[in-house]
């Protein structure tokens, strides 16, 4: 499996940075609108983490808040929304990684966060 995220230089088509930290395959990757930060989520119930990186691959903030597999990520300004298999959505502060709000489980299946 792929427990790493590679950052490529599109001009040279070479890997410029490797992000390590997940204990399983990576399910979701989102870039901030500014392109300065990356958010990743693991695909396994053993790795329910969300990791926040700058694009230099430094300063991974690792957050655990979900009890099941993280299924979706969405970025908006300085906030991150994440959902998981139990239909809980958590809103995070991008800068600090602090949990801002936890929504109660929604009925049905969450198919996307935008």
Protein backbone atom coordinates (compact mmCIF):
# COMPACT_ATOMS: atom_id res chain seq x y z
CA UNK A 1 0.00 0.00 0.00
CA UNK A 2 0.89 3.66 -0.19
CA UNK A 3 1.32 5.19 3.26
CA UNK A 4 3.05 8.23 1.79
CA UNK A 5 2.11 11.27 -0.24
CA UNK A 6 4.42 12.47 -2.98
CA UNK A 7 4.62 16.10 -4.06
CA UNK A 8 5.69 16.44 -7.68
CA UNK A 9 7.15 19.35 -9.60
CA UNK A 10 4.94 19.37 -12.68
CA UNK A 11 7.61 21.02 -14.85
CA UNK A 12 10.41 18.56 -14.11
CA UNK A 13 8.01 15.66 -13.39
CA UNK A 14 10.14 14.75 -10.37
CA UNK A 15 9.21 14.08 -6.76
CA UNK A 16 10.25 17.09 -4.69
CA UNK A 17 8.92 15.96 -1.30
CA UNK A 18 7.68 12.80 0.38
CA UNK A 19 5.18 13.13 3.23
CA UNK A 20 5.36 10.31 5.77
CA UNK A 21 3.13 9.73 8.78
CA UNK A 22 0.05 7.68 7.95
CA UNK A 23 -0.02 4.08 9.17
CA UNK A 24 -2.10 2.94 6.18
CA UNK A 25 -2.99 3.94 2.63
CA UNK A 26 -4.06 7.55 2.10
CA UNK A 27 -7.75 7.93 1.18
CA UNK A 28 -8.10 11.66 0.59
CA UNK A 29 -5.81 14.57 -0.23
CA UNK A 30 -6.88 18.22 -0.41
CA UNK A 31 -4.84 21.31 -1.25
CA UNK A 32 -5.66 24.67 0.31
CA UNK A 33 -6.83 27.37 -2.14
CA UNK A 34 -3.50 29.16 -1.63
CA UNK A 35 -1.57 25.96 -2.41
CA UNK A 36 0.44 26.36 0.80
CA UNK A 37 -1.07 23.47 2.76
CA UNK A 38 -2.17 19.89 2.21
CA UNK A 39 -4.63 17.86 4.25
CA UNK A 40 -4.56 14.05 4.10
CA UNK A 41 -6.69 11.29 5.62
CA UNK A 42 -5.93 7.59 6.03
CA UNK A 43 -8.12 4.85 4.55
CA UNK A 44 -8.07 2.32 7.39
CA UNK A 45 -9.98 2.06 10.65
CA UNK A 46 -6.55 1.70 12.27
CA UNK A 47 -5.56 5.17 10.95
CA UNK A 48 -8.43 7.55 11.60
CA UNK A 49 -6.10 10.55 11.46
CA UNK A 50 -6.21 13.76 9.51
CA UNK A 51 -2.80 15.26 8.87
CA UNK A 52 -2.11 18.90 8.05
CA UNK A 53 1.09 19.69 6.16
CA UNK A 54 2.67 22.72 4.59
CA UNK A 55 3.73 22.08 0.99
CA UNK A 56 7.36 21.87 2.09
CA UNK A 57 6.34 18.71 3.97
CA UNK A 58 7.08 20.27 7.35
CA UNK A 59 5.02 20.50 10.49
CA UNK A 60 2.53 17.67 10.21
CA UNK A 61 -0.29 18.24 12.69
CA UNK A 62 -1.97 14.93 13.38
CA UNK A 63 -5.54 14.93 14.58
CA UNK A 64 -7.74 12.07 15.72
CA UNK A 65 -11.39 12.83 16.24
CA UNK A 66 -13.32 10.22 14.32
CA UNK A 67 -14.17 6.80 15.70
CA UNK A 68 -14.35 5.19 12.24
CA UNK A 69 -12.72 5.51 8.83
CA UNK A 70 -12.44 9.11 7.57
CA UNK A 71 -14.24 9.19 4.21
CA UNK A 72 -14.21 12.81 3.00
CA UNK A 73 -12.34 16.08 3.44
CA UNK A 74 -13.26 19.61 2.42
CA UNK A 75 -11.31 22.85 2.87
CA UNK A 76 -12.76 26.35 3.14
CA UNK A 77 -10.58 29.22 4.29
CA UNK A 78 -8.99 28.27 7.60
CA UNK A 79 -11.42 25.42 8.25
CA UNK A 80 -11.48 21.73 7.37
CA UNK A 81 -14.58 19.56 7.36
CA UNK A 82 -14.15 15.81 7.66
CA UNK A 83 -16.69 13.01 7.65
CA UNK A 84 -16.47 9.36 8.54
CA UNK A 85 -18.32 6.07 8.12
CA UNK A 86 -20.57 6.75 11.12
CA UNK A 87 -21.87 9.93 9.36
CA UNK A 88 -20.30 12.33 11.86
CA UNK A 89 -18.89 15.60 10.49
CA UNK A 90 -16.15 17.46 12.36
CA UNK A 91 -15.09 21.04 11.63
CA UNK A 92 -11.41 21.76 12.38
CA UNK A 93 -9.27 24.90 12.52
CA UNK A 94 -6.64 24.53 9.79
CA UNK A 95 -4.01 26.61 11.57
CA UNK A 96 -4.06 24.86 14.95
CA UNK A 97 -5.77 21.53 14.20
CA UNK A 98 -8.27 22.29 16.99
CA UNK A 99 -11.71 20.71 16.73
CA UNK A 100 -14.24 23.56 16.38
CA UNK A 101 -17.49 21.65 16.06
CA UNK A 102 -18.73 18.07 15.97
CA UNK A 103 -22.06 17.51 14.26
CA UNK A 104 -24.24 14.62 15.44
CA UNK A 105 -24.52 11.63 13.11
CA UNK A 106 -26.60 12.40 10.01
CA UNK A 107 -29.20 9.98 8.66
CA UNK A 108 -28.13 8.16 5.51
CA UNK A 109 -24.69 8.04 3.95
CA UNK A 110 -22.49 11.10 3.39
CA UNK A 111 -21.34 10.88 -0.23
CA UNK A 112 -19.39 14.13 -0.48
CA UNK A 113 -18.29 17.29 1.35
CA UNK A 114 -17.86 20.46 -0.67
